[in-house]
Amino acid sequence: PGHVQLPPPQNVTLMSKDFDMILTWAPGEGSPPDVMYTVRYESQDFMDKWKKVPHCKNIHSTSCNLTCVSQNLFIKFRGRVKAISGQLHSPWVESQFKEYHLDVELAPPVLNVNVKENVIHVNAAFPLAACVEKFSWMYDFNLWEAGSEDKKQYKSIFRKNTVTIDTTALRGNYCLNARSSIQSIDFKHSKFSQPVCVLLNHKG
């Protein structure tokens, strides 16, 4: 009692964006300009045991990537953060619990389209953290003639697989887009990527 405390961080939130799980917060009102933050996390298999996050100790940033801190991606975890300035520090402020596997939000994949004489090779690149490589990420994509509403769908392709499309009968400007999906407990998918368009079998 009697100690001067720093204002605690505000709006401490564990959020998922583009395959990652990120702890975010805002500086407490009246925080000094040199304020730094330290983050810890706990998971439901080790309650009340807050573990250090080495890459988020004494940082100036107001976010911390917690994607691969917990080895078990099927257990809920949460973060907490405190402010530090010189000898002063704030109380810890905790986020809500989230589980990577269930709560992760997917990003659209980057579509790689390789046009050869009578075929197109299509595959998708995913911006994945190493700890989640093993999940069965898939992608779906559409192929359509520019201006047409009639889309041919290619579904549930394992992310490392390339699809080869015979384009002998196609002529003109064709577009493709893709979304990421995960075929787990609950089918989940991202928004579709921006279309990539290619000219097929044009003479001239």
N, C-alpha and C. Protein backbone atom coordinates (compact mmCIF):
# COMPACT_ATOMS: atom_id res chain seq x y z
N PRO A 1 0.84 -1.20 0.00
CA PRO A 1 0.00 0.00 0.00
C PRO A 1 0.88 1.25 0.00
N GLY A 2 0.34 2.32 -0.61
CA GLY A 2 1.11 3.55 -0.63
C GLY A 2 2.03 3.65 -1.83
N HIS A 3 2.25 2.51 -2.56
CA HIS A 3 3.10 2.55 -3.75
C HIS A 3 2.36 3.26 -4.89
N VAL A 4 3.10 4.03 -5.66
CA VAL A 4 2.51 4.62 -6.86
C VAL A 4 2.49 3.53 -7.93
N GLN A 5 1.33 3.36 -8.53
CA GLN A 5 1.23 2.33 -9.57
C GLN A 5 1.05 2.96 -10.94
N LEU A 6 1.50 2.27 -11.97
CA LEU A 6 1.21 2.71 -13.34
C LEU A 6 -0.23 2.35 -13.68
N PRO A 7 -0.87 3.13 -14.57
CA PRO A 7 -2.21 2.72 -15.02
C PRO A 7 -2.12 1.39 -15.79
N PRO A 8 -3.01 0.46 -15.50
CA PRO A 8 -2.96 -0.84 -16.19
C PRO A 8 -3.36 -0.73 -17.66
N PRO A 9 -2.85 -1.64 -18.50
CA PRO A 9 -3.28 -1.68 -19.90
C PRO A 9 -4.79 -1.87 -20.00
N GLN A 10 -5.37 -1.34 -21.07
CA GLN A 10 -6.83 -1.43 -21.27
C GLN A 10 -7.16 -2.32 -22.48
N ASN A 11 -8.41 -2.75 -22.50
CA ASN A 11 -8.93 -3.53 -23.65
C ASN A 11 -8.02 -4.71 -24.01
N VAL A 12 -7.62 -5.47 -23.01
CA VAL A 12 -6.72 -6.61 -23.26
C VAL A 12 -7.55 -7.73 -23.91
N THR A 13 -7.18 -8.09 -25.14
CA THR A 13 -8.00 -9.00 -25.94
C THR A 13 -7.12 -10.04 -26.63
N LEU A 14 -7.53 -11.30 -26.54
CA LEU A 14 -6.88 -12.35 -27.32
C LEU A 14 -7.71 -12.52 -28.58
N MET A 15 -7.11 -12.22 -29.73
CA MET A 15 -7.88 -12.27 -30.97
C MET A 15 -7.16 -13.11 -32.01
N SER A 16 -7.95 -13.68 -32.92
CA SER A 16 -7.36 -14.46 -34.00
C SER A 16 -7.49 -13.69 -35.29
N LYS A 17 -6.40 -13.65 -36.04
CA LYS A 17 -6.45 -13.02 -37.36
C LYS A 17 -5.46 -13.72 -38.28
N ASP A 18 -5.93 -14.11 -39.46
CA ASP A 18 -5.05 -14.67 -40.48
C ASP A 18 -4.17 -15.80 -39.96
N PHE A 19 -4.78 -16.80 -39.36
CA PHE A 19 -4.11 -18.00 -38.84
C PHE A 19 -3.35 -17.77 -37.53
N ASP A 20 -3.20 -16.52 -37.09
CA ASP A 20 -2.43 -16.26 -35.87
C ASP A 20 -3.33 -15.96 -34.68
N MET A 21 -2.79 -16.13 -33.47
CA MET A 21 -3.50 -15.77 -32.24
C MET A 21 -2.69 -14.66 -31.58
N ILE A 22 -3.29 -13.49 -31.44
CA ILE A 22 -2.54 -12.31 -31.03
C ILE A 22 -3.20 -11.64 -29.82
N LEU A 23 -2.38 -11.33 -28.81
CA LEU A 23 -2.85 -10.57 -27.66
C LEU A 23 -2.65 -9.09 -27.98
N THR A 24 -3.72 -8.31 -27.84
CA THR A 24 -3.61 -6.87 -28.10
C THR A 24 -4.12 -6.10 -26.88
N TRP A 25 -3.67 -4.85 -26.74
CA TRP A 25 -4.11 -4.00 -25.63
C TRP A 25 -3.87 -2.55 -26.02
N ALA A 26 -4.39 -1.65 -25.18
CA ALA A 26 -4.16 -0.22 -25.36
C ALA A 26 -3.47 0.30 -24.10
N PRO A 27 -2.64 1.35 -24.22
CA PRO A 27 -2.00 1.91 -23.02
C PRO A 27 -3.06 2.43 -22.04
N GLY A 28 -2.78 2.25 -20.75
CA GLY A 28 -3.68 2.81 -19.73
C GLY A 28 -3.69 4.33 -19.84
N GLU A 29 -4.80 4.93 -19.45
CA GLU A 29 -4.90 6.39 -19.54
C GLU A 29 -3.83 7.05 -18.67
N GLY A 30 -3.11 8.01 -19.24
CA GLY A 30 -2.08 8.70 -18.47
C GLY A 30 -0.77 7.93 -18.37
N SER A 31 -0.58 6.92 -19.25
CA SER A 31 0.70 6.17 -19.24
C SER A 31 1.84 7.08 -19.69
N PRO A 32 3.04 6.94 -19.08
CA PRO A 32 4.18 7.74 -19.54
C PRO A 32 4.62 7.30 -20.93
N PRO A 33 5.30 8.20 -21.69
CA PRO A 33 5.70 7.85 -23.06
C PRO A 33 6.69 6.69 -23.15
N ASP A 34 7.47 6.45 -22.10
CA ASP A 34 8.48 5.38 -22.17
C ASP A 34 7.96 4.03 -21.67
N VAL A 35 6.63 3.90 -21.55
CA VAL A 35 6.07 2.69 -20.94
C VAL A 35 6.39 1.45 -21.80
N MET A 36 6.67 0.34 -21.10
CA MET A 36 6.92 -0.94 -21.77
C MET A 36 5.95 -1.97 -21.19
N TYR A 37 5.88 -3.13 -21.85
CA TYR A 37 4.92 -4.15 -21.43
C TYR A 37 5.58 -5.52 -21.38
N THR A 38 5.07 -6.35 -20.47
CA THR A 38 5.50 -7.74 -20.38
C THR A 38 4.25 -8.62 -20.40
N VAL A 39 4.34 -9.73 -21.16
CA VAL A 39 3.19 -10.62 -21.36
C VAL A 39 3.50 -12.00 -20.79
N ARG A 40 2.49 -12.64 -20.22
CA ARG A 40 2.56 -14.06 -19.85
C ARG A 40 1.29 -14.76 -20.31
N TYR A 41 1.30 -16.09 -20.27
CA TYR A 41 0.08 -16.80 -20.67
C TYR A 41 -0.11 -18.00 -19.76
N GLU A 42 -1.35 -18.46 -19.67
CA GLU A 42 -1.64 -19.73 -18.97
C GLU A 42 -2.59 -20.53 -19.84
N SER A 43 -2.46 -21.87 -19.76
CA SER A 43 -3.38 -22.72 -20.50
C SER A 43 -4.16 -23.58 -19.52
N GLN A 44 -5.31 -24.09 -19.98
CA GLN A 44 -6.21 -24.78 -19.05
C GLN A 44 -5.67 -26.12 -18.56
N ASP A 45 -4.59 -26.61 -19.17
CA ASP A 45 -4.02 -27.84 -18.62
C ASP A 45 -3.06 -27.53 -17.45
N PHE A 46 -2.64 -26.24 -17.31
CA PHE A 46 -1.80 -25.84 -16.17
C PHE A 46 -2.35 -24.54 -15.60
N MET A 47 -3.51 -24.62 -14.98
CA MET A 47 -4.13 -23.41 -14.45
C MET A 47 -3.27 -22.81 -13.34
N ASP A 48 -3.30 -21.47 -13.25
CA ASP A 48 -2.56 -20.70 -12.23
C ASP A 48 -1.05 -20.83 -12.38
N LYS A 49 -0.60 -21.34 -13.51
CA LYS A 49 0.85 -21.36 -13.77
C LYS A 49 1.08 -20.48 -14.98
N TRP A 50 1.41 -19.22 -14.71
CA TRP A 50 1.60 -18.25 -15.79
C TRP A 50 3.01 -18.40 -16.35
N LYS A 51 3.09 -18.64 -17.64
CA LYS A 51 4.40 -18.88 -18.26
C LYS A 51 4.89 -17.63 -18.97
N LYS A 52 6.21 -17.48 -18.98
CA LYS A 52 6.82 -16.31 -19.63
C LYS A 52 6.75 -16.44 -21.15
N VAL A 53 6.73 -15.30 -21.81
CA VAL A 53 6.76 -15.24 -23.27
C VAL A 53 8.01 -14.42 -23.62
N PRO A 54 9.16 -15.11 -23.88
CA PRO A 54 10.44 -14.39 -24.01
C PRO A 54 10.41 -13.27 -25.05
N HIS A 55 9.69 -13.46 -26.16
CA HIS A 55 9.71 -12.41 -27.19
C HIS A 55 8.79 -11.24 -26.86
N CYS A 56 8.08 -11.31 -25.73
CA CYS A 56 7.19 -10.20 -25.33
C CYS A 56 7.51 -9.74 -23.91
N LYS A 57 8.78 -9.56 -23.63
CA LYS A 57 9.21 -9.03 -22.32
C LYS A 57 9.79 -7.64 -22.53
N ASN A 58 9.29 -6.67 -21.78
CA ASN A 58 9.77 -5.27 -21.90
C ASN A 58 9.72 -4.77 -23.34
N ILE A 59 8.53 -4.89 -23.93
CA ILE A 59 8.37 -4.43 -25.33
C ILE A 59 7.59 -3.11 -25.35
N HIS A 60 7.81 -2.33 -26.39
CA HIS A 60 7.08 -1.06 -26.54
C HIS A 60 5.77 -1.27 -27.31
N SER A 61 5.69 -2.39 -28.04
CA SER A 61 4.53 -2.68 -28.87
C SER A 61 3.29 -2.93 -27.99
N THR A 62 2.08 -2.74 -28.57
CA THR A 62 0.85 -3.04 -27.83
C THR A 62 0.18 -4.30 -28.39
N SER A 63 1.02 -5.25 -28.85
CA SER A 63 0.49 -6.56 -29.25
C SER A 63 1.60 -7.59 -29.10
N CYS A 64 1.19 -8.86 -28.98
CA CYS A 64 2.15 -9.95 -28.81
C CYS A 64 1.57 -11.17 -29.51
N ASN A 65 2.37 -11.78 -30.40
CA ASN A 65 1.90 -12.96 -31.13
C ASN A 65 2.07 -14.20 -30.24
N LEU A 66 0.95 -14.83 -29.88
CA LEU A 66 0.97 -16.00 -28.99
C LEU A 66 0.67 -17.30 -29.75
N THR A 67 0.79 -17.27 -31.08
CA THR A 67 0.35 -18.41 -31.90
C THR A 67 0.94 -19.74 -31.46
N CYS A 68 2.24 -19.83 -31.29
CA CYS A 68 2.86 -21.13 -31.02
C CYS A 68 3.40 -21.25 -29.59
N VAL A 69 2.95 -20.38 -28.68
CA VAL A 69 3.54 -20.46 -27.33
C VAL A 69 3.11 -21.73 -26.61
N SER A 70 1.86 -22.13 -26.81
CA SER A 70 1.38 -23.35 -26.15
C SER A 70 1.52 -24.51 -27.13
N GLN A 71 2.11 -25.61 -26.68
CA GLN A 71 2.32 -26.75 -27.56
C GLN A 71 1.00 -27.45 -27.89
N ASN A 72 0.03 -27.34 -26.98
CA ASN A 72 -1.24 -28.03 -27.21
C ASN A 72 -2.23 -27.05 -27.84
N LEU A 73 -2.56 -27.28 -29.11
CA LEU A 73 -3.42 -26.34 -29.83
C LEU A 73 -4.90 -26.64 -29.62
N PHE A 74 -5.18 -27.65 -28.79
CA PHE A 74 -6.59 -28.04 -28.56
C PHE A 74 -7.04 -27.69 -27.15
N ILE A 75 -6.28 -26.82 -26.49
CA ILE A 75 -6.63 -26.44 -25.12
C ILE A 75 -6.75 -24.93 -25.05
N LYS A 76 -7.73 -24.46 -24.30
CA LYS A 76 -7.92 -23.01 -24.20
C LYS A 76 -6.77 -22.38 -23.42
N PHE A 77 -6.38 -21.19 -23.86
CA PHE A 77 -5.37 -20.45 -23.11
C PHE A 77 -5.72 -18.97 -23.14
N ARG A 78 -5.04 -18.21 -22.30
CA ARG A 78 -5.28 -16.76 -22.28
C ARG A 78 -3.97 -16.05 -21.98
N GLY A 79 -3.96 -14.76 -22.21
CA GLY A 79 -2.76 -13.97 -21.93
C GLY A 79 -3.03 -12.95 -20.84
N ARG A 80 -1.95 -12.40 -20.31
CA ARG A 80 -2.09 -11.24 -19.43
C ARG A 80 -0.91 -10.31 -19.69
N VAL A 81 -1.10 -9.05 -19.38
CA VAL A 81 -0.06 -8.06 -19.68
C VAL A 81 0.00 -7.03 -18.55
N LYS A 82 1.20 -6.55 -18.27
CA LYS A 82 1.34 -5.45 -17.31
C LYS A 82 2.24 -4.38 -17.92
N ALA A 83 2.06 -3.15 -17.46
CA ALA A 83 2.87 -2.03 -17.91
C ALA A 83 4.03 -1.83 -16.95
N ILE A 84 5.19 -1.39 -17.49
CA ILE A 84 6.40 -1.17 -16.68
C ILE A 84 7.02 0.15 -17.11
N SER A 85 7.46 0.95 -16.13
CA SER A 85 8.20 2.17 -16.45
C SER A 85 9.16 2.43 -15.30
N GLY A 86 10.46 2.28 -15.58
CA GLY A 86 11.44 2.44 -14.50
C GLY A 86 11.19 1.41 -13.41
N GLN A 87 11.03 1.89 -12.17
CA GLN A 87 10.75 0.99 -11.04
C GLN A 87 9.26 0.70 -10.89
N LEU A 88 8.44 1.38 -11.64
CA LEU A 88 6.99 1.25 -11.47
C LEU A 88 6.43 0.15 -12.37
N HIS A 89 5.38 -0.51 -11.89
CA HIS A 89 4.63 -1.39 -12.80
C HIS A 89 3.18 -1.40 -12.42
N SER A 90 2.34 -1.79 -13.37
CA SER A 90 0.89 -1.79 -13.17
C SER A 90 0.47 -3.18 -12.70
N PRO A 91 -0.77 -3.31 -12.24
CA PRO A 91 -1.31 -4.67 -12.03
C PRO A 91 -1.41 -5.40 -13.38
N TRP A 92 -1.43 -6.74 -13.32
CA TRP A 92 -1.65 -7.55 -14.53
C TRP A 92 -3.11 -7.40 -14.96
N VAL A 93 -3.34 -7.43 -16.27
CA VAL A 93 -4.71 -7.45 -16.79
C VAL A 93 -4.82 -8.66 -17.72
N GLU A 94 -5.88 -9.46 -17.52
CA GLU A 94 -6.00 -10.73 -18.25
C GLU A 94 -7.00 -10.63 -19.40
N SER A 95 -6.75 -11.46 -20.42
CA SER A 95 -7.70 -11.56 -21.55
C SER A 95 -8.68 -12.69 -21.26
N GLN A 96 -9.59 -12.89 -22.18
CA GLN A 96 -10.48 -14.05 -22.11
C GLN A 96 -9.73 -15.28 -22.64
N PHE A 97 -10.31 -16.47 -22.42
CA PHE A 97 -9.71 -17.71 -22.92
C PHE A 97 -10.10 -17.94 -24.39
N LYS A 98 -9.16 -18.47 -25.16
CA LYS A 98 -9.46 -18.89 -26.54
C LYS A 98 -8.73 -20.19 -26.80
N GLU A 99 -9.23 -20.93 -27.78
CA GLU A 99 -8.53 -22.15 -28.20
C GLU A 99 -8.11 -21.99 -29.65
N TYR A 100 -6.85 -22.27 -29.94
CA TYR A 100 -6.36 -22.03 -31.29
C TYR A 100 -7.20 -22.77 -32.34
N HIS A 101 -7.36 -24.06 -32.13
CA HIS A 101 -7.98 -24.93 -33.14
C HIS A 101 -9.40 -24.49 -33.48
N LEU A 102 -10.17 -24.11 -32.45
CA LEU A 102 -11.57 -23.74 -32.68
C LEU A 102 -11.74 -22.28 -33.08
N ASP A 103 -10.91 -21.41 -32.51
CA ASP A 103 -11.16 -19.98 -32.64
C ASP A 103 -10.34 -19.30 -33.72
N VAL A 104 -9.41 -20.02 -34.33
CA VAL A 104 -8.54 -19.38 -35.31
C VAL A 104 -9.34 -18.90 -36.53
N GLU A 105 -9.04 -17.69 -36.97
CA GLU A 105 -9.66 -17.14 -38.18
C GLU A 105 -8.71 -17.34 -39.34
N LEU A 106 -9.24 -17.86 -40.44
CA LEU A 106 -8.39 -18.19 -41.58
C LEU A 106 -8.24 -16.99 -42.51
N ALA A 107 -7.09 -16.91 -43.15
CA ALA A 107 -6.85 -15.89 -44.18
C ALA A 107 -6.99 -16.55 -45.55
N PRO A 108 -7.37 -15.77 -46.56
CA PRO A 108 -7.37 -16.36 -47.90
C PRO A 108 -5.95 -16.76 -48.29
N PRO A 109 -5.79 -17.86 -49.03
CA PRO A 109 -4.45 -18.25 -49.45
C PRO A 109 -3.99 -17.36 -50.62
N VAL A 110 -2.70 -17.42 -50.90
CA VAL A 110 -2.18 -16.77 -52.09
C VAL A 110 -2.19 -17.82 -53.20
N LEU A 111 -2.86 -17.51 -54.29
CA LEU A 111 -3.01 -18.48 -55.37
C LEU A 111 -1.86 -18.36 -56.36
N ASN A 112 -1.20 -19.49 -56.65
CA ASN A 112 -0.14 -19.52 -57.65
C ASN A 112 -0.69 -20.17 -58.92
N VAL A 113 -0.69 -19.44 -60.00
CA VAL A 113 -1.27 -19.92 -61.26
C VAL A 113 -0.16 -19.94 -62.31
N ASN A 114 0.12 -21.14 -62.85
CA ASN A 114 1.20 -21.29 -63.82
C ASN A 114 0.59 -21.77 -65.14
N VAL A 115 0.61 -20.90 -66.15
CA VAL A 115 -0.04 -21.23 -67.43
C VAL A 115 0.98 -21.84 -68.39
N LYS A 116 0.67 -23.06 -68.85
CA LYS A 116 1.50 -23.71 -69.88
C LYS A 116 0.66 -23.80 -71.16
N GLU A 117 1.17 -24.53 -72.16
CA GLU A 117 0.48 -24.47 -73.45
C GLU A 117 -0.99 -24.87 -73.39
N ASN A 118 -1.29 -26.07 -72.89
CA ASN A 118 -2.71 -26.47 -72.83
C ASN A 118 -3.18 -26.80 -71.42
N VAL A 119 -2.42 -26.37 -70.44
CA VAL A 119 -2.82 -26.65 -69.06
C VAL A 119 -2.50 -25.45 -68.16
N ILE A 120 -3.23 -25.40 -67.05
CA ILE A 120 -2.87 -24.46 -65.97
C ILE A 120 -2.56 -25.31 -64.75
N HIS A 121 -1.49 -24.98 -64.06
CA HIS A 121 -1.20 -25.60 -62.75
C HIS A 121 -1.57 -24.59 -61.67
N VAL A 122 -2.37 -25.05 -60.71
CA VAL A 122 -2.84 -24.15 -59.65
C VAL A 122 -2.46 -24.73 -58.29
N ASN A 123 -1.84 -23.93 -57.46
CA ASN A 123 -1.71 -24.34 -56.05
C ASN A 123 -1.82 -23.11 -55.17
N ALA A 124 -1.92 -23.35 -53.87
CA ALA A 124 -2.18 -22.26 -52.93
C ALA A 124 -1.07 -22.21 -51.89
N ALA A 125 -0.64 -20.99 -51.57
CA ALA A 125 0.37 -20.81 -50.52
C ALA A 125 -0.32 -20.26 -49.28
N PHE A 126 0.05 -20.83 -48.13
CA PHE A 126 -0.58 -20.45 -46.87
C PHE A 126 0.45 -19.79 -45.94
N PRO A 127 0.09 -18.69 -45.31
CA PRO A 127 1.02 -18.06 -44.37
C PRO A 127 0.92 -18.71 -42.98
N LEU A 128 1.39 -19.94 -42.84
CA LEU A 128 1.16 -20.68 -41.59
C LEU A 128 2.36 -20.63 -40.65
N ALA A 129 2.06 -20.54 -39.36
CA ALA A 129 3.11 -20.71 -38.34
C ALA A 129 3.50 -22.19 -38.28
N ALA A 130 4.75 -22.45 -37.90
CA ALA A 130 5.29 -23.82 -37.92
C ALA A 130 4.46 -24.79 -37.08
N CYS A 131 3.94 -24.33 -35.95
CA CYS A 131 3.24 -25.26 -35.05
C CYS A 131 1.92 -25.74 -35.61
N VAL A 132 1.39 -25.10 -36.65
CA VAL A 132 0.08 -25.51 -37.17
C VAL A 132 0.17 -26.13 -38.56
N GLU A 133 1.41 -26.34 -39.01
CA GLU A 133 1.61 -26.98 -40.32
C GLU A 133 0.87 -28.30 -40.42
N LYS A 134 0.78 -29.02 -39.31
CA LYS A 134 0.27 -30.40 -39.37
C LYS A 134 -1.25 -30.48 -39.49
N PHE A 135 -1.96 -29.39 -39.26
CA PHE A 135 -3.42 -29.43 -39.42
C PHE A 135 -3.75 -29.73 -40.88
N SER A 136 -4.94 -30.29 -41.09
CA SER A 136 -5.30 -30.65 -42.48
C SER A 136 -5.91 -29.43 -43.19
N TRP A 137 -5.07 -28.44 -43.45
CA TRP A 137 -5.53 -27.26 -44.19
C TRP A 137 -5.85 -27.66 -45.64
N MET A 138 -6.93 -27.12 -46.14
CA MET A 138 -7.33 -27.39 -47.50
C MET A 138 -7.58 -26.05 -48.20
N TYR A 139 -7.81 -26.13 -49.49
CA TYR A 139 -8.30 -24.94 -50.17
C TYR A 139 -9.33 -25.32 -51.22
N ASP A 140 -10.22 -24.39 -51.51
CA ASP A 140 -11.21 -24.54 -52.57
C ASP A 140 -10.92 -23.41 -53.56
N PHE A 141 -11.12 -23.66 -54.84
CA PHE A 141 -11.02 -22.52 -55.75
C PHE A 141 -12.05 -22.59 -56.85
N ASN A 142 -12.29 -21.45 -57.48
CA ASN A 142 -13.24 -21.31 -58.57
C ASN A 142 -12.49 -20.91 -59.83
N LEU A 143 -13.00 -21.38 -60.96
CA LEU A 143 -12.48 -20.97 -62.27
C LEU A 143 -13.67 -20.52 -63.10
N TRP A 144 -13.58 -19.34 -63.70
CA TRP A 144 -14.69 -18.86 -64.52
C TRP A 144 -14.19 -17.93 -65.62
N GLU A 145 -14.98 -17.83 -66.66
CA GLU A 145 -14.65 -16.90 -67.73
C GLU A 145 -15.01 -15.50 -67.27
N ALA A 146 -14.09 -14.54 -67.48
CA ALA A 146 -14.34 -13.17 -67.02
C ALA A 146 -15.69 -12.68 -67.54
N GLY A 147 -16.48 -12.10 -66.66
CA GLY A 147 -17.79 -11.59 -67.06
C GLY A 147 -18.92 -12.59 -66.89
N SER A 148 -18.55 -13.87 -66.70
CA SER A 148 -19.59 -14.91 -66.55
C SER A 148 -19.86 -15.16 -65.06
N GLU A 149 -21.08 -15.59 -64.76
CA GLU A 149 -21.41 -15.95 -63.37
C GLU A 149 -21.21 -17.46 -63.14
N ASP A 150 -20.91 -18.17 -64.21
CA ASP A 150 -20.86 -19.62 -64.14
C ASP A 150 -19.47 -20.08 -63.69
N LYS A 151 -19.34 -20.44 -62.42
CA LYS A 151 -18.02 -20.78 -61.87
C LYS A 151 -17.87 -22.30 -61.71
N LYS A 152 -16.75 -22.81 -62.18
CA LYS A 152 -16.45 -24.22 -61.93
C LYS A 152 -15.71 -24.30 -60.60
N GLN A 153 -16.21 -25.17 -59.72
CA GLN A 153 -15.64 -25.23 -58.37
C GLN A 153 -14.73 -26.44 -58.20
N TYR A 154 -13.61 -26.22 -57.56
CA TYR A 154 -12.68 -27.31 -57.19
C TYR A 154 -12.60 -27.28 -55.66
N LYS A 155 -13.02 -28.37 -55.01
CA LYS A 155 -13.19 -28.31 -53.55
C LYS A 155 -12.25 -29.24 -52.80
N SER A 156 -11.92 -28.81 -51.56
CA SER A 156 -11.20 -29.65 -50.59
C SER A 156 -9.92 -30.25 -51.15
N ILE A 157 -9.03 -29.36 -51.60
CA ILE A 157 -7.74 -29.80 -52.11
C ILE A 157 -6.72 -29.61 -51.00
N PHE A 158 -5.96 -30.64 -50.69
CA PHE A 158 -4.95 -30.52 -49.63
C PHE A 158 -3.98 -29.41 -50.01
N ARG A 159 -3.58 -28.59 -49.05
CA ARG A 159 -2.88 -27.34 -49.38
C ARG A 159 -1.59 -27.54 -50.15
N LYS A 160 -0.93 -28.70 -50.01
CA LYS A 160 0.35 -28.88 -50.71
C LYS A 160 0.16 -29.45 -52.12
N ASN A 161 -1.10 -29.73 -52.48
CA ASN A 161 -1.33 -30.35 -53.78
C ASN A 161 -1.57 -29.32 -54.88
N THR A 162 -1.08 -29.64 -56.06
CA THR A 162 -1.28 -28.80 -57.24
C THR A 162 -2.37 -29.43 -58.09
N VAL A 163 -3.27 -28.59 -58.60
CA VAL A 163 -4.33 -29.07 -59.49
C VAL A 163 -3.95 -28.68 -60.92
N THR A 164 -4.08 -29.64 -61.84
CA THR A 164 -3.77 -29.38 -63.24
C THR A 164 -5.09 -29.34 -64.02
N ILE A 165 -5.31 -28.25 -64.73
CA ILE A 165 -6.56 -28.08 -65.49
C ILE A 165 -6.23 -28.08 -66.98
N ASP A 166 -6.95 -28.90 -67.72
CA ASP A 166 -6.77 -28.93 -69.17
C ASP A 166 -7.50 -27.72 -69.77
N THR A 167 -6.77 -26.88 -70.49
CA THR A 167 -7.38 -25.65 -71.02
C THR A 167 -7.59 -25.69 -72.54
N THR A 168 -7.45 -26.89 -73.11
CA THR A 168 -7.55 -27.00 -74.58
C THR A 168 -8.83 -26.36 -75.10
N ALA A 169 -9.93 -26.59 -74.40
CA ALA A 169 -11.24 -26.10 -74.89
C ALA A 169 -11.55 -24.67 -74.43
N LEU A 170 -10.65 -24.08 -73.64
CA LEU A 170 -10.94 -22.75 -73.10
C LEU A 170 -10.26 -21.68 -73.94
N ARG A 171 -10.99 -20.61 -74.20
CA ARG A 171 -10.38 -19.54 -74.98
C ARG A 171 -10.86 -18.21 -74.42
N GLY A 172 -9.92 -17.32 -74.13
CA GLY A 172 -10.32 -16.00 -73.63
C GLY A 172 -9.71 -15.72 -72.25
N ASN A 173 -10.36 -14.79 -71.54
CA ASN A 173 -9.85 -14.33 -70.24
C ASN A 173 -10.53 -15.12 -69.11
N TYR A 174 -9.75 -15.88 -68.36
CA TYR A 174 -10.32 -16.69 -67.27
C TYR A 174 -9.76 -16.23 -65.93
N CYS A 175 -10.61 -16.32 -64.91
CA CYS A 175 -10.21 -15.85 -63.58
C CYS A 175 -10.33 -16.98 -62.56
N LEU A 176 -9.48 -16.90 -61.53
CA LEU A 176 -9.51 -17.88 -60.44
C LEU A 176 -9.44 -17.14 -59.11
N ASN A 177 -10.12 -17.68 -58.10
CA ASN A 177 -9.89 -17.22 -56.74
C ASN A 177 -9.99 -18.41 -55.79
N ALA A 178 -9.54 -18.23 -54.55
CA ALA A 178 -9.46 -19.38 -53.64
C ALA A 178 -9.77 -18.96 -52.22
N ARG A 179 -10.13 -19.95 -51.42
CA ARG A 179 -10.28 -19.72 -49.98
C ARG A 179 -9.62 -20.86 -49.23
N SER A 180 -9.18 -20.59 -48.02
CA SER A 180 -8.62 -21.62 -47.14
C SER A 180 -9.77 -22.29 -46.40
N SER A 181 -9.59 -23.56 -46.09
CA SER A 181 -10.58 -24.20 -45.23
C SER A 181 -9.89 -25.21 -44.33
N ILE A 182 -10.55 -25.53 -43.25
CA ILE A 182 -10.04 -26.59 -42.37
C ILE A 182 -11.17 -27.57 -42.13
N GLN A 183 -10.88 -28.85 -42.40
CA GLN A 183 -11.92 -29.88 -42.31
C GLN A 183 -11.80 -30.53 -40.94
N SER A 184 -12.20 -29.81 -39.94
CA SER A 184 -12.04 -30.39 -38.60
C SER A 184 -13.41 -30.56 -37.97
N ILE A 185 -13.50 -30.37 -36.67
CA ILE A 185 -14.75 -30.55 -35.94
C ILE A 185 -15.87 -29.79 -36.66
N ASP A 186 -15.53 -28.58 -37.06
CA ASP A 186 -16.52 -27.70 -37.64
C ASP A 186 -15.90 -27.18 -38.93
N PHE A 187 -16.57 -27.37 -40.05
CA PHE A 187 -16.00 -26.89 -41.31
C PHE A 187 -15.89 -25.37 -41.23
N LYS A 188 -14.71 -24.86 -41.53
CA LYS A 188 -14.48 -23.43 -41.39
C LYS A 188 -13.71 -22.96 -42.61
N HIS A 189 -14.02 -21.77 -43.09
CA HIS A 189 -13.27 -21.29 -44.26
C HIS A 189 -13.08 -19.78 -44.20
N SER A 190 -12.13 -19.32 -45.00
CA SER A 190 -11.84 -17.89 -45.09
C SER A 190 -12.71 -17.26 -46.16
N LYS A 191 -12.56 -15.96 -46.32
CA LYS A 191 -13.14 -15.30 -47.49
C LYS A 191 -12.33 -15.74 -48.72
N PHE A 192 -12.91 -15.51 -49.90
CA PHE A 192 -12.17 -15.81 -51.13
C PHE A 192 -11.13 -14.72 -51.39
N SER A 193 -10.02 -15.13 -52.00
CA SER A 193 -8.96 -14.19 -52.35
C SER A 193 -9.40 -13.31 -53.53
N GLN A 194 -8.64 -12.26 -53.77
CA GLN A 194 -8.87 -11.44 -54.97
C GLN A 194 -8.63 -12.32 -56.21
N PRO A 195 -9.42 -12.14 -57.26
CA PRO A 195 -9.24 -12.97 -58.46
C PRO A 195 -7.90 -12.74 -59.16
N VAL A 196 -7.36 -13.82 -59.72
CA VAL A 196 -6.19 -13.75 -60.59
C VAL A 196 -6.71 -14.13 -61.98
N CYS A 197 -6.46 -13.27 -62.99
CA CYS A 197 -7.00 -13.56 -64.32
C CYS A 197 -5.88 -13.84 -65.32
N VAL A 198 -6.12 -14.79 -66.23
CA VAL A 198 -5.11 -15.19 -67.23
C VAL A 198 -5.78 -15.30 -68.61
N LEU A 199 -5.02 -14.99 -69.63
CA LEU A 199 -5.51 -15.11 -70.99
C LEU A 199 -5.13 -16.48 -71.53
N LEU A 200 -6.13 -17.24 -72.03
CA LEU A 200 -5.87 -18.60 -72.49
C LEU A 200 -6.06 -18.73 -74.00
N ASN A 201 -5.13 -19.45 -74.61
CA ASN A 201 -5.22 -19.82 -76.02
C ASN A 201 -5.57 -18.66 -76.94
N HIS A 202 -5.02 -17.49 -76.68
CA HIS A 202 -5.33 -16.37 -77.57
C HIS A 202 -4.35 -16.40 -78.74
N LYS A 203 -4.85 -16.05 -79.90
CA LYS A 203 -3.99 -15.99 -81.08
C LYS A 203 -3.54 -14.53 -81.24
N GLY A 204 -2.28 -14.36 -81.61
CA GLY A 204 -1.86 -12.99 -81.85
C GLY A 204 -0.60 -12.68 -81.07
